[in-house]
Amino acid sequence: MILDSLQKLYIHELKDLYSAENQELDALQKMEQTATDKNLKSSFAEHRQATQTHIERLEAIFKGMDFQPGGHRCQAMAGIISEGEELIGGEIEPHVLDAALVSSAQRMEHYEMAGYGTARAFAEKLGHHEAAELLQQTLDEEGHSNRDLTRLAERSLNFLATKAVVGS
């Protein structure tokens, strides 16, 4: 598709988000299985459920535009996930692993927040107000997930990872 209008760029952004969310859904399942901290496991499980809702919202937006969501692969999310897998695939102490998982998850969240903010702004400019509201709702939820991960890391996981390094 030649990106010769804001409408086409908007569709491209939505396709990118759809691909990113689907990739994240798979990654979160692996992260949940890999995490050693029960609260982190729970956080990943909750975020997987939210991610499924985000996918459904994007599908509703595409349906309203009479457009198909597939046909695009988000290379940025693929790279973020690949870097995380590389980090956690090596020899790593369990508490450090949990801190690494949070780091990787927050990179995914920040990428999505940038994408949802952009897509919402495009939707508003194009007069797609209902879509803009859905995109804002997802943006708010992505921010909430990011803040939850930050609290979990700052209240316990980073401390435990620090103790693991000192204790080595």
N, C-alpha and C. Protein backbone atom coordinates (compact mmCIF):
# COMPACT_ATOMS: atom_id res chain seq x y z
N MET A 1 0.84 -1.17 0.00
CA MET A 1 0.00 0.00 0.00
C MET A 1 0.90 1.25 0.00
N ILE A 2 0.62 2.14 -0.90
CA ILE A 2 1.33 3.41 -0.95
C ILE A 2 0.73 4.32 0.13
N LEU A 3 1.57 4.84 1.00
CA LEU A 3 1.10 5.69 2.09
C LEU A 3 1.03 7.14 1.61
N ASP A 4 -0.05 7.44 0.89
CA ASP A 4 -0.20 8.77 0.31
C ASP A 4 -1.31 9.59 0.97
N SER A 5 -1.77 9.13 2.15
CA SER A 5 -2.79 9.88 2.88
C SER A 5 -2.72 9.52 4.36
N LEU A 6 -3.24 10.39 5.20
CA LEU A 6 -3.28 10.11 6.63
C LEU A 6 -4.14 8.88 6.90
N GLN A 7 -5.19 8.69 6.12
CA GLN A 7 -6.06 7.52 6.28
C GLN A 7 -5.26 6.23 6.08
N LYS A 8 -4.45 6.19 5.04
CA LYS A 8 -3.64 4.99 4.78
C LYS A 8 -2.58 4.79 5.87
N LEU A 9 -2.00 5.88 6.33
CA LEU A 9 -1.03 5.79 7.42
C LEU A 9 -1.71 5.29 8.69
N TYR A 10 -2.91 5.74 8.93
CA TYR A 10 -3.71 5.29 10.08
C TYR A 10 -3.95 3.78 10.00
N ILE A 11 -4.34 3.29 8.84
CA ILE A 11 -4.56 1.86 8.65
C ILE A 11 -3.26 1.09 8.88
N HIS A 12 -2.17 1.62 8.35
CA HIS A 12 -0.87 0.99 8.56
C HIS A 12 -0.54 0.90 10.05
N GLU A 13 -0.81 1.98 10.78
CA GLU A 13 -0.54 2.01 12.23
C GLU A 13 -1.40 0.98 12.95
N LEU A 14 -2.66 0.87 12.56
CA LEU A 14 -3.55 -0.12 13.17
C LEU A 14 -3.07 -1.54 12.89
N LYS A 15 -2.63 -1.80 11.67
CA LYS A 15 -2.12 -3.12 11.32
C LYS A 15 -0.86 -3.45 12.13
N ASP A 16 -0.02 -2.44 12.33
CA ASP A 16 1.19 -2.63 13.11
C ASP A 16 0.83 -2.99 14.56
N LEU A 17 -0.13 -2.26 15.12
CA LEU A 17 -0.57 -2.55 16.49
C LEU A 17 -1.20 -3.94 16.59
N TYR A 18 -1.96 -4.32 15.61
CA TYR A 18 -2.60 -5.63 15.61
C TYR A 18 -1.55 -6.74 15.61
N SER A 19 -0.55 -6.58 14.78
CA SER A 19 0.54 -7.55 14.74
C SER A 19 1.31 -7.55 16.07
N ALA A 20 1.61 -6.36 16.59
CA ALA A 20 2.35 -6.25 17.85
C ALA A 20 1.60 -6.94 18.99
N GLU A 21 0.30 -6.69 19.07
CA GLU A 21 -0.50 -7.30 20.14
C GLU A 21 -0.52 -8.82 20.03
N ASN A 22 -0.65 -9.34 18.82
CA ASN A 22 -0.67 -10.78 18.65
C ASN A 22 0.68 -11.41 19.01
N GLN A 23 1.76 -10.74 18.64
CA GLN A 23 3.08 -11.24 19.02
C GLN A 23 3.26 -11.18 20.54
N GLU A 24 2.78 -10.09 21.14
CA GLU A 24 2.90 -9.95 22.58
C GLU A 24 2.10 -11.02 23.31
N LEU A 25 0.95 -11.38 22.78
CA LEU A 25 0.12 -12.41 23.40
C LEU A 25 0.91 -13.70 23.56
N ASP A 26 1.62 -14.10 22.52
CA ASP A 26 2.45 -15.31 22.58
C ASP A 26 3.62 -15.13 23.56
N ALA A 27 4.25 -13.96 23.51
CA ALA A 27 5.40 -13.70 24.37
C ALA A 27 4.99 -13.71 25.85
N LEU A 28 3.86 -13.11 26.16
CA LEU A 28 3.41 -13.06 27.55
C LEU A 28 3.16 -14.44 28.12
N GLN A 29 2.67 -15.35 27.30
CA GLN A 29 2.45 -16.71 27.78
C GLN A 29 3.79 -17.35 28.16
N LYS A 30 4.80 -17.17 27.32
CA LYS A 30 6.13 -17.69 27.63
C LYS A 30 6.72 -17.02 28.86
N MET A 31 6.51 -15.71 28.97
CA MET A 31 7.04 -14.97 30.12
C MET A 31 6.38 -15.43 31.42
N GLU A 32 5.08 -15.67 31.36
CA GLU A 32 4.36 -16.17 32.53
C GLU A 32 4.92 -17.52 32.97
N GLN A 33 5.19 -18.38 32.02
CA GLN A 33 5.73 -19.71 32.32
C GLN A 33 7.16 -19.63 32.85
N THR A 34 7.91 -18.63 32.41
CA THR A 34 9.32 -18.49 32.78
C THR A 34 9.51 -17.79 34.12
N ALA A 35 8.62 -16.87 34.46
CA ALA A 35 8.76 -16.09 35.70
C ALA A 35 8.81 -17.01 36.92
N THR A 36 9.60 -16.61 37.90
CA THR A 36 9.68 -17.40 39.13
C THR A 36 8.84 -16.78 40.25
N ASP A 37 8.61 -15.48 40.20
CA ASP A 37 7.83 -14.78 41.22
C ASP A 37 6.34 -14.95 40.94
N LYS A 38 5.58 -15.35 41.96
CA LYS A 38 4.14 -15.61 41.76
C LYS A 38 3.37 -14.34 41.38
N ASN A 39 3.77 -13.20 41.94
CA ASN A 39 3.09 -11.95 41.58
C ASN A 39 3.38 -11.54 40.14
N LEU A 40 4.59 -11.81 39.69
CA LEU A 40 4.93 -11.51 38.30
C LEU A 40 4.17 -12.44 37.35
N LYS A 41 4.08 -13.71 37.72
CA LYS A 41 3.29 -14.66 36.93
C LYS A 41 1.85 -14.17 36.80
N SER A 42 1.29 -13.72 37.91
CA SER A 42 -0.08 -13.23 37.94
C SER A 42 -0.22 -11.98 37.07
N SER A 43 0.76 -11.09 37.14
CA SER A 43 0.74 -9.87 36.33
C SER A 43 0.74 -10.21 34.84
N PHE A 44 1.58 -11.16 34.45
CA PHE A 44 1.62 -11.57 33.04
C PHE A 44 0.31 -12.22 32.61
N ALA A 45 -0.30 -13.01 33.49
CA ALA A 45 -1.59 -13.64 33.16
C ALA A 45 -2.66 -12.58 32.96
N GLU A 46 -2.70 -11.58 33.85
CA GLU A 46 -3.67 -10.49 33.71
C GLU A 46 -3.43 -9.70 32.43
N HIS A 47 -2.17 -9.48 32.12
CA HIS A 47 -1.88 -8.70 30.92
C HIS A 47 -2.21 -9.48 29.65
N ARG A 48 -2.08 -10.80 29.71
CA ARG A 48 -2.50 -11.61 28.55
C ARG A 48 -3.99 -11.44 28.29
N GLN A 49 -4.78 -11.43 29.35
CA GLN A 49 -6.23 -11.22 29.20
C GLN A 49 -6.52 -9.84 28.62
N ALA A 50 -5.82 -8.83 29.12
CA ALA A 50 -6.01 -7.47 28.60
C ALA A 50 -5.58 -7.39 27.14
N THR A 51 -4.50 -8.08 26.79
CA THR A 51 -4.01 -8.08 25.40
C THR A 51 -5.05 -8.67 24.47
N GLN A 52 -5.73 -9.72 24.91
CA GLN A 52 -6.79 -10.31 24.09
C GLN A 52 -7.90 -9.28 23.85
N THR A 53 -8.22 -8.51 24.87
CA THR A 53 -9.23 -7.46 24.72
C THR A 53 -8.75 -6.38 23.74
N HIS A 54 -7.46 -6.05 23.81
CA HIS A 54 -6.90 -5.04 22.89
C HIS A 54 -7.02 -5.52 21.44
N ILE A 55 -6.75 -6.80 21.23
CA ILE A 55 -6.87 -7.38 19.89
C ILE A 55 -8.32 -7.28 19.41
N GLU A 56 -9.24 -7.61 20.29
CA GLU A 56 -10.66 -7.55 19.93
C GLU A 56 -11.09 -6.12 19.60
N ARG A 57 -10.58 -5.14 20.33
CA ARG A 57 -10.91 -3.74 20.01
C ARG A 57 -10.39 -3.36 18.63
N LEU A 58 -9.15 -3.75 18.34
CA LEU A 58 -8.60 -3.45 17.02
C LEU A 58 -9.43 -4.12 15.93
N GLU A 59 -9.85 -5.35 16.16
CA GLU A 59 -10.69 -6.05 15.18
C GLU A 59 -12.01 -5.31 14.97
N ALA A 60 -12.56 -4.77 16.05
CA ALA A 60 -13.81 -4.00 15.93
C ALA A 60 -13.59 -2.73 15.12
N ILE A 61 -12.45 -2.08 15.32
CA ILE A 61 -12.14 -0.87 14.54
C ILE A 61 -12.02 -1.23 13.07
N PHE A 62 -11.30 -2.31 12.77
CA PHE A 62 -11.16 -2.73 11.37
C PHE A 62 -12.51 -3.10 10.77
N LYS A 63 -13.33 -3.77 11.53
CA LYS A 63 -14.66 -4.15 11.03
C LYS A 63 -15.48 -2.91 10.69
N GLY A 64 -15.39 -1.89 11.54
CA GLY A 64 -16.10 -0.64 11.30
C GLY A 64 -15.61 0.08 10.05
N MET A 65 -14.36 -0.20 9.67
CA MET A 65 -13.78 0.42 8.47
C MET A 65 -13.93 -0.50 7.26
N ASP A 66 -14.51 -1.71 7.49
CA ASP A 66 -14.62 -2.73 6.45
C ASP A 66 -13.24 -3.04 5.86
N PHE A 67 -12.30 -3.31 6.77
CA PHE A 67 -10.91 -3.56 6.39
C PHE A 67 -10.40 -4.75 7.19
N GLN A 68 -9.51 -5.55 6.61
CA GLN A 68 -8.94 -6.70 7.29
C GLN A 68 -7.69 -6.31 8.06
N PRO A 69 -7.51 -6.83 9.30
CA PRO A 69 -6.38 -6.43 10.12
C PRO A 69 -5.05 -7.10 9.77
N GLY A 70 -5.04 -8.22 9.11
CA GLY A 70 -3.81 -8.97 8.87
C GLY A 70 -2.96 -8.41 7.75
N GLY A 71 -1.94 -9.18 7.40
CA GLY A 71 -1.11 -8.83 6.25
C GLY A 71 0.09 -7.97 6.56
N HIS A 72 0.39 -7.79 7.83
CA HIS A 72 1.53 -6.96 8.22
C HIS A 72 2.20 -7.60 9.43
N ARG A 73 3.52 -7.56 9.49
CA ARG A 73 4.26 -8.05 10.66
C ARG A 73 5.02 -6.88 11.27
N CYS A 74 4.78 -6.64 12.54
CA CYS A 74 5.46 -5.57 13.27
C CYS A 74 6.88 -6.02 13.57
N GLN A 75 7.83 -5.47 12.83
CA GLN A 75 9.23 -5.84 13.01
C GLN A 75 9.78 -5.32 14.33
N ALA A 76 9.30 -4.18 14.78
CA ALA A 76 9.78 -3.61 16.04
C ALA A 76 9.44 -4.54 17.21
N MET A 77 8.20 -5.00 17.27
CA MET A 77 7.81 -5.90 18.36
C MET A 77 8.57 -7.22 18.25
N ALA A 78 8.76 -7.70 17.04
CA ALA A 78 9.53 -8.93 16.85
C ALA A 78 10.94 -8.76 17.41
N GLY A 79 11.53 -7.60 17.18
CA GLY A 79 12.87 -7.32 17.68
C GLY A 79 12.91 -7.22 19.20
N ILE A 80 11.93 -6.54 19.77
CA ILE A 80 11.86 -6.40 21.23
C ILE A 80 11.73 -7.78 21.88
N ILE A 81 10.87 -8.61 21.32
CA ILE A 81 10.66 -9.95 21.86
C ILE A 81 11.93 -10.79 21.70
N SER A 82 12.56 -10.68 20.55
CA SER A 82 13.79 -11.44 20.29
C SER A 82 14.89 -11.06 21.28
N GLU A 83 15.04 -9.78 21.54
CA GLU A 83 16.04 -9.33 22.52
C GLU A 83 15.73 -9.89 23.90
N GLY A 84 14.47 -9.89 24.28
CA GLY A 84 14.08 -10.45 25.58
C GLY A 84 14.35 -11.93 25.67
N GLU A 85 14.03 -12.66 24.61
CA GLU A 85 14.29 -14.10 24.59
C GLU A 85 15.78 -14.40 24.68
N GLU A 86 16.57 -13.59 24.02
CA GLU A 86 18.02 -13.75 24.07
C GLU A 86 18.54 -13.55 25.49
N LEU A 87 18.03 -12.54 26.14
CA LEU A 87 18.45 -12.22 27.50
C LEU A 87 18.08 -13.33 28.48
N ILE A 88 16.85 -13.80 28.41
CA ILE A 88 16.39 -14.79 29.37
C ILE A 88 16.75 -16.21 28.97
N GLY A 89 17.23 -16.38 27.76
CA GLY A 89 17.59 -17.72 27.29
C GLY A 89 18.96 -18.17 27.78
N GLY A 90 19.72 -17.26 28.33
CA GLY A 90 21.06 -17.59 28.79
C GLY A 90 21.05 -18.08 30.22
N GLU A 91 22.25 -18.17 30.77
CA GLU A 91 22.41 -18.58 32.16
C GLU A 91 22.08 -17.37 33.02
N ILE A 92 21.03 -17.48 33.83
CA ILE A 92 20.58 -16.33 34.60
C ILE A 92 19.97 -16.78 35.92
N GLU A 93 20.33 -16.09 36.96
CA GLU A 93 19.83 -16.40 38.30
C GLU A 93 18.33 -16.08 38.34
N PRO A 94 17.51 -16.89 39.04
CA PRO A 94 16.05 -16.71 39.02
C PRO A 94 15.55 -15.31 39.36
N HIS A 95 16.10 -14.66 40.39
CA HIS A 95 15.62 -13.30 40.73
C HIS A 95 16.03 -12.29 39.66
N VAL A 96 17.18 -12.49 39.07
CA VAL A 96 17.63 -11.61 37.99
C VAL A 96 16.76 -11.86 36.76
N LEU A 97 16.37 -13.10 36.57
CA LEU A 97 15.47 -13.44 35.46
C LEU A 97 14.16 -12.65 35.57
N ASP A 98 13.58 -12.60 36.76
CA ASP A 98 12.33 -11.87 36.93
C ASP A 98 12.51 -10.39 36.60
N ALA A 99 13.63 -9.80 37.06
CA ALA A 99 13.89 -8.39 36.73
C ALA A 99 14.05 -8.21 35.22
N ALA A 100 14.69 -9.17 34.56
CA ALA A 100 14.86 -9.11 33.10
C ALA A 100 13.52 -9.23 32.39
N LEU A 101 12.64 -10.06 32.90
CA LEU A 101 11.31 -10.21 32.30
C LEU A 101 10.53 -8.91 32.40
N VAL A 102 10.62 -8.23 33.53
CA VAL A 102 9.95 -6.94 33.68
C VAL A 102 10.51 -5.94 32.68
N SER A 103 11.82 -5.92 32.55
CA SER A 103 12.46 -5.01 31.60
C SER A 103 11.95 -5.25 30.18
N SER A 104 11.88 -6.49 29.79
CA SER A 104 11.41 -6.84 28.46
C SER A 104 9.93 -6.48 28.28
N ALA A 105 9.13 -6.77 29.28
CA ALA A 105 7.70 -6.46 29.21
C ALA A 105 7.47 -4.96 29.11
N GLN A 106 8.27 -4.18 29.84
CA GLN A 106 8.09 -2.73 29.78
C GLN A 106 8.50 -2.16 28.43
N ARG A 107 9.49 -2.76 27.80
CA ARG A 107 9.84 -2.32 26.44
C ARG A 107 8.66 -2.54 25.50
N MET A 108 7.98 -3.69 25.65
CA MET A 108 6.80 -3.95 24.82
C MET A 108 5.72 -2.92 25.11
N GLU A 109 5.49 -2.63 26.38
CA GLU A 109 4.45 -1.67 26.76
C GLU A 109 4.74 -0.28 26.19
N HIS A 110 5.97 0.15 26.28
CA HIS A 110 6.32 1.50 25.80
C HIS A 110 6.14 1.59 24.29
N TYR A 111 6.50 0.54 23.57
CA TYR A 111 6.30 0.54 22.12
C TYR A 111 4.80 0.66 21.81
N GLU A 112 4.00 -0.11 22.51
CA GLU A 112 2.56 -0.07 22.26
C GLU A 112 1.96 1.27 22.65
N MET A 113 2.40 1.85 23.75
CA MET A 113 1.87 3.15 24.15
C MET A 113 2.15 4.20 23.08
N ALA A 114 3.34 4.17 22.51
CA ALA A 114 3.65 5.12 21.43
C ALA A 114 2.73 4.88 20.23
N GLY A 115 2.51 3.63 19.89
CA GLY A 115 1.66 3.31 18.75
C GLY A 115 0.21 3.68 18.98
N TYR A 116 -0.31 3.37 20.16
CA TYR A 116 -1.71 3.70 20.44
C TYR A 116 -1.93 5.21 20.51
N GLY A 117 -0.98 5.94 21.07
CA GLY A 117 -1.10 7.39 21.11
C GLY A 117 -1.14 7.99 19.71
N THR A 118 -0.28 7.48 18.84
CA THR A 118 -0.25 7.95 17.45
C THR A 118 -1.55 7.60 16.73
N ALA A 119 -1.98 6.34 16.86
CA ALA A 119 -3.21 5.91 16.18
C ALA A 119 -4.42 6.70 16.67
N ARG A 120 -4.47 6.98 17.98
CA ARG A 120 -5.58 7.75 18.53
C ARG A 120 -5.59 9.16 17.94
N ALA A 121 -4.41 9.76 17.84
CA ALA A 121 -4.32 11.12 17.27
C ALA A 121 -4.76 11.12 15.81
N PHE A 122 -4.37 10.11 15.06
CA PHE A 122 -4.79 10.00 13.65
C PHE A 122 -6.30 9.82 13.57
N ALA A 123 -6.85 8.94 14.42
CA ALA A 123 -8.30 8.69 14.41
C ALA A 123 -9.07 9.97 14.69
N GLU A 124 -8.62 10.73 15.67
CA GLU A 124 -9.27 12.01 16.00
C GLU A 124 -9.24 12.96 14.80
N LYS A 125 -8.07 13.09 14.21
CA LYS A 125 -7.90 14.01 13.08
C LYS A 125 -8.79 13.61 11.90
N LEU A 126 -8.96 12.30 11.72
CA LEU A 126 -9.76 11.79 10.60
C LEU A 126 -11.26 11.73 10.92
N GLY A 127 -11.63 12.09 12.14
CA GLY A 127 -13.04 12.08 12.51
C GLY A 127 -13.57 10.72 12.94
N HIS A 128 -12.69 9.79 13.23
CA HIS A 128 -13.08 8.45 13.70
C HIS A 128 -13.14 8.48 15.23
N HIS A 129 -14.12 9.17 15.77
CA HIS A 129 -14.17 9.45 17.20
C HIS A 129 -14.40 8.20 18.05
N GLU A 130 -15.24 7.28 17.58
CA GLU A 130 -15.46 6.05 18.35
C GLU A 130 -14.19 5.22 18.40
N ALA A 131 -13.48 5.13 17.28
CA ALA A 131 -12.20 4.40 17.25
C ALA A 131 -11.20 5.08 18.16
N ALA A 132 -11.18 6.41 18.15
CA ALA A 132 -10.25 7.16 19.00
C ALA A 132 -10.51 6.85 20.48
N GLU A 133 -11.78 6.73 20.86
CA GLU A 133 -12.11 6.38 22.24
C GLU A 133 -11.61 4.99 22.59
N LEU A 134 -11.79 4.03 21.69
CA LEU A 134 -11.29 2.67 21.93
C LEU A 134 -9.77 2.65 22.04
N LEU A 135 -9.12 3.38 21.17
CA LEU A 135 -7.65 3.44 21.19
C LEU A 135 -7.16 4.11 22.47
N GLN A 136 -7.86 5.14 22.94
CA GLN A 136 -7.48 5.80 24.19
C GLN A 136 -7.67 4.86 25.37
N GLN A 137 -8.74 4.09 25.34
CA GLN A 137 -8.99 3.12 26.42
C GLN A 137 -7.84 2.12 26.49
N THR A 138 -7.42 1.63 25.34
CA THR A 138 -6.29 0.69 25.32
C THR A 138 -5.00 1.38 25.76
N LEU A 139 -4.79 2.59 25.31
CA LEU A 139 -3.60 3.35 25.72
C LEU A 139 -3.57 3.49 27.25
N ASP A 140 -4.70 3.81 27.84
CA ASP A 140 -4.78 3.93 29.30
C ASP A 140 -4.44 2.59 29.97
N GLU A 141 -4.95 1.50 29.42
CA GLU A 141 -4.68 0.18 30.01
C GLU A 141 -3.21 -0.21 29.86
N GLU A 142 -2.61 0.14 28.73
CA GLU A 142 -1.18 -0.15 28.55
C GLU A 142 -0.36 0.62 29.58
N GLY A 143 -0.73 1.87 29.82
CA GLY A 143 -0.05 2.67 30.83
C GLY A 143 -0.22 2.07 32.22
N HIS A 144 -1.41 1.58 32.51
CA HIS A 144 -1.68 0.94 33.80
C HIS A 144 -0.81 -0.30 33.96
N SER A 145 -0.73 -1.12 32.93
CA SER A 145 0.11 -2.33 32.99
C SER A 145 1.57 -1.97 33.23
N ASN A 146 2.03 -0.93 32.55
CA ASN A 146 3.40 -0.48 32.73
C ASN A 146 3.65 -0.03 34.17
N ARG A 147 2.72 0.73 34.73
CA ARG A 147 2.86 1.19 36.11
C ARG A 147 2.85 0.02 37.09
N ASP A 148 2.01 -0.98 36.83
CA ASP A 148 1.98 -2.17 37.69
C ASP A 148 3.32 -2.90 37.66
N LEU A 149 3.90 -3.02 36.49
CA LEU A 149 5.21 -3.67 36.39
C LEU A 149 6.27 -2.87 37.12
N THR A 150 6.21 -1.55 37.01
CA THR A 150 7.17 -0.69 37.71
C THR A 150 7.05 -0.88 39.22
N ARG A 151 5.82 -0.87 39.74
CA ARG A 151 5.62 -1.06 41.18
C ARG A 151 6.15 -2.42 41.63
N LEU A 152 5.87 -3.46 40.88
CA LEU A 152 6.33 -4.80 41.23
C LEU A 152 7.86 -4.85 41.25
N ALA A 153 8.47 -4.25 40.26
CA ALA A 153 9.93 -4.24 40.19
C ALA A 153 10.52 -3.44 41.34
N GLU A 154 9.98 -2.26 41.59
CA GLU A 154 10.55 -1.37 42.61
C GLU A 154 10.29 -1.85 44.03
N ARG A 155 9.19 -2.55 44.25
CA ARG A 155 8.85 -2.99 45.61
C ARG A 155 9.51 -4.31 45.99
N SER A 156 9.86 -5.14 45.00
CA SER A 156 10.45 -6.41 45.40
C SER A 156 11.45 -7.00 44.40
N LEU A 157 11.09 -7.07 43.14
CA LEU A 157 11.91 -7.83 42.19
C LEU A 157 13.32 -7.28 42.03
N ASN A 158 13.46 -5.96 41.91
CA ASN A 158 14.80 -5.38 41.75
C ASN A 158 15.63 -5.58 43.02
N PHE A 159 14.99 -5.49 44.19
CA PHE A 159 15.69 -5.74 45.45
C PHE A 159 16.20 -7.18 45.49
N LEU A 160 15.34 -8.12 45.14
CA LEU A 160 15.74 -9.53 45.14
C LEU A 160 16.87 -9.78 44.14
N ALA A 161 16.80 -9.12 42.99
CA ALA A 161 17.87 -9.27 42.00
C ALA A 161 19.18 -8.70 42.52
N THR A 162 19.10 -7.60 43.25
CA THR A 162 20.29 -6.99 43.85
C THR A 162 20.91 -7.93 44.88
N LYS A 163 20.07 -8.54 45.69
CA LYS A 163 20.56 -9.49 46.70
C LYS A 163 21.23 -10.68 46.05
N ALA A 164 20.70 -11.11 44.90
CA ALA A 164 21.27 -12.27 44.20
C ALA A 164 22.69 -11.95 43.74
N VAL A 165 22.89 -10.72 43.25
CA VAL A 165 24.22 -10.30 42.76
C VAL A 165 25.19 -10.24 43.93
N VAL A 166 24.76 -9.62 45.04
CA VAL A 166 25.62 -9.47 46.21
C VAL A 166 25.96 -10.84 46.79
N GLY A 167 24.98 -11.74 46.77
CA GLY A 167 25.17 -13.05 47.36
C GLY A 167 25.99 -14.01 46.52
N SER A 168 26.30 -13.65 45.29
CA SER A 168 27.04 -14.56 44.39
C SER A 168 28.49 -14.70 44.79
